[in-house]
Amino acid sequence: MPGIQTIRLVLALTALVLFGLGLRSESSYLRFAGIAFLTASLALRFVGRGTRKG
């Protein structure tokens, strides 16, 4: 797997764990942290895209 895909996968799995822990412990801080990690993972989708020439 290329590097950016690995980072996205790790961020998404971290988001899943944090969100799950937040739901289980009823902690809004952990849920928001999970949402933030998921947002970062989805934002990396647009990294490295450039206009192709030719």
C-alpha atoms as a PDB file:
ATOM      1  CA  MET A   1       0.000   0.000   0.000  1.00  0.00           C
ATOM      2  CA  PRO A   2       1.318   3.439  -0.782  1.00  0.00           C
ATOM      3  CA  GLY A   3       2.094   5.741   2.128  1.00  0.00           C
ATOM      4  CA  ILE A   4      -0.937   8.035   1.887  1.00  0.00           C
ATOM      5  CA  GLN A   5      -3.344   5.093   1.872  1.00  0.00           C
ATOM      6  CA  THR A   6      -1.692   3.654   4.960  1.00  0.00           C
ATOM      7  CA  ILE A   7      -2.044   6.971   6.772  1.00  0.00           C
ATOM      8  CA  ARG A   8      -5.708   7.210   5.770  1.00  0.00           C
ATOM      9  CA  LEU A   9      -6.359   3.675   7.005  1.00  0.00           C
ATOM     10  CA  VAL A  10      -4.659   4.317  10.344  1.00  0.00           C
ATOM     11  CA  LEU A  11      -6.596   7.559  10.826  1.00  0.00           C
ATOM     12  CA  ALA A  12      -9.893   5.852   9.992  1.00  0.00           C
ATOM     13  CA  LEU A  13      -9.230   2.970  12.389  1.00  0.00           C
ATOM     14  CA  THR A  14      -8.214   5.403  15.123  1.00  0.00           C
ATOM     15  CA  ALA A  15     -11.424   7.328  14.504  1.00  0.00           C
ATOM     16  CA  LEU A  16     -13.447   4.141  14.820  1.00  0.00           C
ATOM     17  CA  VAL A  17     -11.797   3.199  18.115  1.00  0.00           C
ATOM     18  CA  LEU A  18     -12.136   6.690  19.608  1.00  0.00           C
ATOM     19  CA  PHE A  19     -15.756   7.018  18.535  1.00  0.00           C
ATOM     20  CA  GLY A  20     -16.584   3.585  19.940  1.00  0.00           C
ATOM     21  CA  LEU A  21     -14.900   4.374  23.236  1.00  0.00           C
ATOM     22  CA  GLY A  22     -16.736   7.680  23.357  1.00  0.00           C
ATOM     23  CA  LEU A  23     -20.084   5.973  22.883  1.00  0.00           C
ATOM     24  CA  ARG A  24     -19.314   3.313  25.444  1.00  0.00           C
ATOM     25  CA  SER A  25     -18.094   5.722  28.117  1.00  0.00           C
ATOM     26  CA  GLU A  26     -20.548   8.480  27.157  1.00  0.00           C
ATOM     27  CA  SER A  27     -17.666  10.899  26.627  1.00  0.00           C
ATOM     28  CA  SER A  28     -18.383  13.636  24.136  1.00  0.00           C
ATOM     29  CA  TYR A  29     -14.676  14.532  23.945  1.00  0.00           C
ATOM     30  CA  LEU A  30     -13.758  11.078  22.653  1.00  0.00           C
ATOM     31  CA  ARG A  31     -16.623  11.116  20.158  1.00  0.00           C
ATOM     32  CA  PHE A  32     -15.561  14.510  18.823  1.00  0.00           C
ATOM     33  CA  ALA A  33     -11.951  13.327  18.615  1.00  0.00           C
ATOM     34  CA  GLY A  34     -13.143  10.329  16.596  1.00  0.00           C
ATOM     35  CA  ILE A  35     -15.102  12.595  14.280  1.00  0.00           C
ATOM     36  CA  ALA A  36     -12.049  14.843  13.876  1.00  0.00           C
ATOM     37  CA  PHE A  37      -9.828  11.886  12.965  1.00  0.00           C
ATOM     38  CA  LEU A  38     -12.396  10.674  10.447  1.00  0.00           C
ATOM     39  CA  THR A  39     -12.589  14.154   8.934  1.00  0.00           C
ATOM     40  CA  ALA A  40      -8.800  14.229   8.627  1.00  0.00           C
ATOM     41  CA  SER A  41      -8.857  10.813   6.969  1.00  0.00           C
ATOM     42  CA  LEU A  42     -11.473  11.935   4.468  1.00  0.00           C
ATOM     43  CA  ALA A  43      -9.638  15.223   3.814  1.00  0.00           C
ATOM     44  CA  LEU A  44      -6.531  13.244   2.829  1.00  0.00           C
ATOM     45  CA  ARG A  45      -8.545  11.931  -0.082  1.00  0.00           C
ATOM     46  CA  PHE A  46      -7.818  15.177  -1.909  1.00  0.00           C
ATOM     47  CA  VAL A  47      -4.090  15.269  -1.137  1.00  0.00           C
ATOM     48  CA  GLY A  48      -1.844  14.578  -4.086  1.00  0.00           C
ATOM     49  CA  ARG A  49      -4.408  15.244  -6.740  1.00  0.00           C
ATOM     50  CA  GLY A  50      -3.113  17.470  -9.427  1.00  0.00           C
ATOM     51  CA  THR A  51      -4.109  18.405 -12.881  1.00  0.00           C
ATOM     52  CA  ARG A  52      -2.828  15.979 -15.426  1.00  0.00           C
ATOM     53  CA  LYS A  53      -1.088  17.402 -18.429  1.00  0.00           C
ATOM     54  CA  GLY A  54      -1.456  15.966 -21.814  1.00  0.00           C
END
